[in-house]
Amino acid sequence: MTSLSVNINKIATLRNQRAGEVPSVLKFAAIALDAGAHGITVHPRPDERHIRGSDLAPLSALCKARGVEFNIEGNPFEGRWLEQVLAIRPDQATLVPDANDQKTSDHGFPLDPGTAAGRVSMHLLQPVVARLKAAGIRVSLFVDPEPAHAQGAKLAGADRIELYTEGWAHAFNQGGSARAGMLAAYGATAKAAQAEGLGVNAGHDLSLDNLQPFLAGVSGVLEVSIGHALTADALELGMAQAVRKYLACCR
């Protein structure tokens, strides 16, 4: 089955509205793992508006104790992200080209080696990817659904790509040809990556409505990381039951 990594950023967002540690990101991560989640994802940003640097070591220790994956997302060229990741040494680092002032990630790296932008991205990413891999960390690159990015991700040295799935979420809501066309684009990108020997992850705006159709249409997705929709569902269902419902979609 596709692995489910629960992104707990939104738990941290709620915690940060008050002083103290309520709700506890560590507690909610443990609840998610107790319910069967295969890992935990966080995306620390320089302003620490949700996950803080001080959260990383306890979450890493929890995941190590449970024998599950710890995945840290972020922009390696902003703030202390790269330094923090190299210190923690998570199982996976997912590199995302988001700016400090973005509310959330909204695009992948341009990695088409046939374009100037793609060549610049590869040149910048290669030494970063090499440092992470030398530390024993699997590296995934956030990409848009365009098959040409697969070759660039391979040339940058990545182990996996993560398909940025907001486009799928919008197309799913539209239905019809928009849905079919977007699903085909994701499927083609996944196949191109797999042909390059890369693993395929996916994430962003995946939900209980659109996750199973996505996985049915895009073969070989190894892992999905889901936070916003899962946290919203947890407000209604409880964290454990929400995780179980997403796991059912992953099967």
Protein backbone atom coordinates (compact mmCIF):
# COMPACT_ATOMS: atom_id res chain seq x y z
CA MET A 1 0.00 0.00 0.00
CA THR A 2 0.99 3.64 -0.29
CA SER A 3 2.56 4.91 2.93
CA LEU A 4 0.81 7.70 4.82
CA SER A 5 2.94 10.38 6.46
CA VAL A 6 0.89 12.74 8.64
CA ASN A 7 1.90 16.39 8.45
CA ILE A 8 1.37 17.99 11.87
CA ASN A 9 2.05 21.61 10.92
CA LYS A 10 -1.54 22.63 11.61
CA ILE A 11 -1.41 21.18 15.11
CA ALA A 12 1.61 23.40 15.71
CA THR A 13 -0.23 26.40 14.23
CA LEU A 14 -3.01 26.00 16.80
CA ARG A 15 -0.50 25.52 19.62
CA ASN A 16 1.32 28.70 18.71
CA GLN A 17 -1.81 30.82 19.19
CA ARG A 18 -1.19 30.65 22.94
CA ALA A 19 1.77 30.28 25.26
CA GLY A 20 2.51 26.72 26.29
CA GLU A 21 2.35 23.35 24.57
CA VAL A 22 -1.38 22.77 24.03
CA PRO A 23 -2.12 21.03 21.75
CA SER A 24 1.09 19.01 21.91
CA VAL A 25 2.58 18.20 18.51
CA LEU A 26 4.37 15.25 20.08
CA LYS A 27 1.15 13.85 21.52
CA PHE A 28 -0.76 14.20 18.27
CA ALA A 29 2.10 12.66 16.31
CA ALA A 30 1.98 9.69 18.69
CA ILE A 31 -1.80 9.38 18.24
CA ALA A 32 -1.36 9.34 14.46
CA LEU A 33 1.31 6.64 14.70
CA ASP A 34 -0.77 4.60 17.16
CA ALA A 35 -3.57 4.68 14.57
CA GLY A 36 -1.26 3.20 11.94
CA ALA A 37 0.37 6.15 10.15
CA HIS A 38 3.67 5.20 8.55
CA GLY A 39 5.48 8.41 9.39
CA ILE A 40 5.39 12.06 10.41
CA THR A 41 6.04 15.08 8.20
CA VAL A 42 6.88 18.64 9.28
CA HIS A 43 7.68 21.76 7.29
CA PRO A 44 9.56 24.22 9.52
CA ARG A 45 9.78 27.76 8.16
CA PRO A 46 12.19 30.54 9.18
CA ASP A 47 9.48 32.48 11.06
CA GLU A 48 8.49 29.33 13.04
CA ARG A 49 4.83 30.14 12.52
CA HIS A 50 3.99 26.51 13.13
CA ILE A 51 6.76 23.91 13.59
CA ARG A 52 9.64 25.25 15.67
CA GLY A 53 13.24 24.16 15.56
CA SER A 54 12.81 22.86 19.10
CA ASP A 55 10.11 20.43 17.88
CA LEU A 56 12.44 18.55 15.57
CA ALA A 57 14.56 16.52 17.99
CA PRO A 58 11.61 15.18 20.07
CA LEU A 59 9.67 14.26 16.92
CA SER A 60 12.74 12.58 15.46
CA ALA A 61 13.21 10.59 18.67
CA LEU A 62 9.54 9.52 18.62
CA CYS A 63 9.79 8.31 15.03
CA LYS A 64 13.03 6.46 15.71
CA ALA A 65 11.51 4.78 18.76
CA ARG A 66 8.50 3.67 16.69
CA GLY A 67 10.62 2.60 13.70
CA VAL A 68 8.79 4.92 11.30
CA GLU A 69 9.86 7.61 8.87
CA PHE A 70 10.49 11.22 9.81
CA ASN A 71 10.23 13.57 6.83
CA ILE A 72 11.29 17.22 7.02
CA GLU A 73 10.12 19.50 4.20
CA GLY A 74 11.41 22.96 3.40
CA ASN A 75 13.44 25.36 1.33
CA PRO A 76 17.15 24.57 1.75
CA PHE A 77 18.10 28.09 0.71
CA GLU A 78 16.08 29.90 3.39
CA GLY A 79 16.95 30.43 7.06
CA ARG A 80 18.59 27.61 9.02
CA TRP A 81 16.63 24.79 7.36
CA LEU A 82 19.58 22.93 5.91
CA GLU A 83 21.60 23.25 9.11
CA GLN A 84 18.67 21.93 11.16
CA VAL A 85 18.06 18.98 8.86
CA LEU A 86 21.71 17.95 8.81
CA ALA A 87 21.72 18.07 12.62
CA ILE A 88 18.55 15.97 12.98
CA ARG A 89 19.22 13.58 10.08
CA PRO A 90 15.64 12.56 9.32
CA ASP A 91 14.89 9.59 7.10
CA GLN A 92 13.80 11.90 4.29
CA ALA A 93 14.24 15.53 3.35
CA THR A 94 11.75 16.98 0.87
CA LEU A 95 13.08 20.13 -0.79
CA VAL A 96 10.41 22.73 -1.58
CA PRO A 97 10.94 26.11 -3.31
CA ASP A 98 8.66 28.19 -1.08
CA ALA A 99 9.40 31.78 -0.10
CA ASN A 100 9.28 33.07 3.48
CA ASP A 101 6.11 35.07 2.87
CA GLN A 102 4.07 32.25 1.29
CA LYS A 103 1.16 30.92 3.30
CA THR A 104 1.83 27.47 1.87
CA SER A 105 3.75 25.82 -0.94
CA ASP A 106 2.33 26.64 -4.36
CA HIS A 107 4.76 25.29 -6.97
CA GLY A 108 7.57 22.84 -7.54
CA PHE A 109 11.14 23.31 -8.66
CA PRO A 110 11.62 24.04 -12.38
CA LEU A 111 13.78 21.07 -13.35
CA ASP A 112 13.33 20.69 -17.09
CA PRO A 113 16.97 20.39 -18.27
CA GLY A 114 15.92 21.81 -21.62
CA THR A 115 15.22 25.22 -20.09
CA ALA A 116 17.49 27.85 -18.54
CA ALA A 117 15.44 27.83 -15.33
CA GLY A 118 15.73 24.06 -15.09
CA ARG A 119 19.49 24.14 -15.52
CA VAL A 120 19.86 26.85 -12.86
CA SER A 121 17.75 24.83 -10.41
CA MET A 122 19.80 21.70 -11.01
CA HIS A 123 23.05 23.61 -10.51
CA LEU A 124 21.82 25.06 -7.21
CA LEU A 125 20.32 21.83 -5.93
CA GLN A 126 23.15 19.42 -6.74
CA PRO A 127 25.50 20.40 -3.85
CA VAL A 128 22.60 20.55 -1.38
CA VAL A 129 21.31 17.13 -2.40
CA ALA A 130 24.84 15.75 -2.19
CA ARG A 131 25.29 17.04 1.37
CA LEU A 132 21.98 15.55 2.50
CA LYS A 133 22.68 12.18 0.90
CA ALA A 134 26.17 12.11 2.41
CA ALA A 135 24.45 12.41 5.80
CA GLY A 136 22.36 9.33 5.01
CA ILE A 137 19.17 11.25 4.25
CA ARG A 138 16.89 10.27 1.36
CA VAL A 139 16.12 13.32 -0.79
CA SER A 140 12.86 14.13 -2.55
CA LEU A 141 12.25 17.16 -4.78
CA PHE A 142 8.87 18.91 -4.99
CA VAL A 143 7.79 19.11 -8.66
CA ASP A 144 4.81 20.12 -10.78
CA PRO A 145 3.11 17.48 -12.96
CA GLU A 146 5.35 17.77 -16.02
CA PRO A 147 7.31 14.70 -17.16
CA ALA A 148 10.34 16.80 -18.19
CA HIS A 149 11.07 17.50 -14.52
CA ALA A 150 11.91 13.84 -13.92
CA GLN A 151 15.20 13.93 -15.81
CA GLY A 152 16.22 17.13 -14.02
CA ALA A 153 15.44 15.61 -10.63
CA LYS A 154 17.65 12.64 -11.51
CA LEU A 155 20.47 14.91 -12.67
CA ALA A 156 20.17 16.90 -9.44
CA GLY A 157 20.88 13.67 -7.56
CA ALA A 158 17.47 13.15 -5.93
CA ASP A 159 16.16 9.78 -4.82
CA ARG A 160 12.50 10.68 -5.27
CA ILE A 161 10.15 13.36 -6.50
CA GLU A 162 7.08 14.59 -4.68
CA LEU A 163 4.21 15.43 -6.99
CA TYR A 164 2.64 18.77 -6.00
CA THR A 165 -1.03 17.83 -6.06
CA GLU A 166 -2.93 21.10 -5.65
CA GLY A 167 -3.65 20.99 -9.39
CA TRP A 168 -5.26 17.59 -8.94
CA ALA A 169 -7.42 18.85 -6.07
CA HIS A 170 -8.76 21.70 -8.21
CA ALA A 171 -9.33 19.46 -11.24
CA PHE A 172 -11.05 16.84 -9.10
CA ASN A 173 -13.57 19.44 -7.97
CA GLN A 174 -14.18 20.49 -11.56
CA GLY A 175 -14.70 16.92 -12.74
CA GLY A 176 -15.04 15.77 -16.34
CA SER A 177 -12.23 16.36 -18.82
CA ALA A 178 -10.33 18.62 -16.41
CA ARG A 179 -10.07 15.78 -13.92
CA ALA A 180 -9.07 13.21 -16.53
CA GLY A 181 -6.50 15.47 -18.15
CA MET A 182 -4.84 16.41 -14.89
CA LEU A 183 -4.73 12.80 -13.72
CA ALA A 184 -3.04 11.86 -17.00
CA ALA A 185 -0.40 14.56 -16.43
CA TYR A 186 0.39 13.23 -12.97
CA GLY A 187 0.48 9.68 -14.26
CA ALA A 188 2.88 10.60 -17.05
CA THR A 189 5.17 12.46 -14.62
CA ALA A 190 5.21 9.50 -12.24
CA LYS A 191 6.08 7.11 -15.08
CA ALA A 192 8.87 9.41 -16.29
CA ALA A 193 10.31 9.54 -12.78
CA GLN A 194 10.10 5.78 -12.36
CA ALA A 195 11.84 5.34 -15.72
CA GLU A 196 14.70 7.43 -14.31
CA GLY A 197 14.89 5.13 -11.28
CA LEU A 198 13.25 7.64 -8.94
CA GLY A 199 10.61 6.92 -6.32
CA VAL A 200 7.37 8.91 -6.39
CA ASN A 201 5.72 10.66 -3.45
CA ALA A 202 2.75 13.04 -3.54
CA GLY A 203 1.24 15.75 -1.39
CA HIS A 204 -0.72 18.99 -1.04
CA ASP A 205 -4.49 19.34 -0.79
CA LEU A 206 -5.07 15.59 -0.87
CA SER A 207 -8.26 14.69 0.99
CA LEU A 208 -10.63 11.85 1.78
CA ASP A 209 -12.53 12.74 -1.41
CA ASN A 210 -9.69 12.90 -3.90
CA LEU A 211 -6.95 10.65 -2.48
CA GLN A 212 -8.20 7.23 -3.55
CA PRO A 213 -9.00 8.31 -7.15
CA PHE A 214 -5.53 9.86 -7.38
CA LEU A 215 -3.79 6.71 -6.21
CA ALA A 216 -5.95 4.59 -8.52
CA GLY A 217 -4.92 6.71 -11.50
CA VAL A 218 -1.23 7.27 -10.71
CA SER A 219 0.55 3.97 -10.33
CA GLY A 220 3.40 3.31 -7.97
CA VAL A 221 3.04 6.22 -5.52
CA LEU A 222 5.18 5.22 -2.57
CA GLU A 223 4.09 7.84 -0.04
CA VAL A 224 1.62 10.64 0.49
CA SER A 225 2.05 13.37 3.08
CA ILE A 226 -1.21 14.94 4.21
CA GLY A 227 -1.78 17.63 6.82
CA HIS A 228 -4.39 20.32 6.22
CA ALA A 229 -7.35 18.17 5.19
CA LEU A 230 -6.47 15.42 7.65
CA THR A 231 -6.30 17.90 10.53
CA ALA A 232 -9.65 19.38 9.50
CA ASP A 233 -11.16 15.90 9.43
CA ALA A 234 -9.61 15.20 12.83
CA LEU A 235 -11.59 18.10 14.31
CA GLU A 236 -14.73 16.18 13.41
CA LEU A 237 -13.61 12.57 13.74
CA GLY A 238 -10.68 12.67 16.15
CA MET A 239 -7.10 12.23 15.00
CA ALA A 240 -7.02 8.44 15.27
CA GLN A 241 -10.19 7.88 13.24
CA ALA A 242 -9.13 10.43 10.62
CA VAL A 243 -5.81 8.62 10.17
CA ARG A 244 -7.61 5.29 9.82
CA LYS A 245 -9.85 6.70 7.08
CA TYR A 246 -6.86 8.00 5.13
CA LEU A 247 -5.12 4.66 5.53
CA ALA A 248 -8.18 2.98 4.04
CA CYS A 249 -7.80 5.23 0.98
CA CYS A 250 -4.11 4.33 0.75
CA ARG A 251 -5.00 0.65 0.54
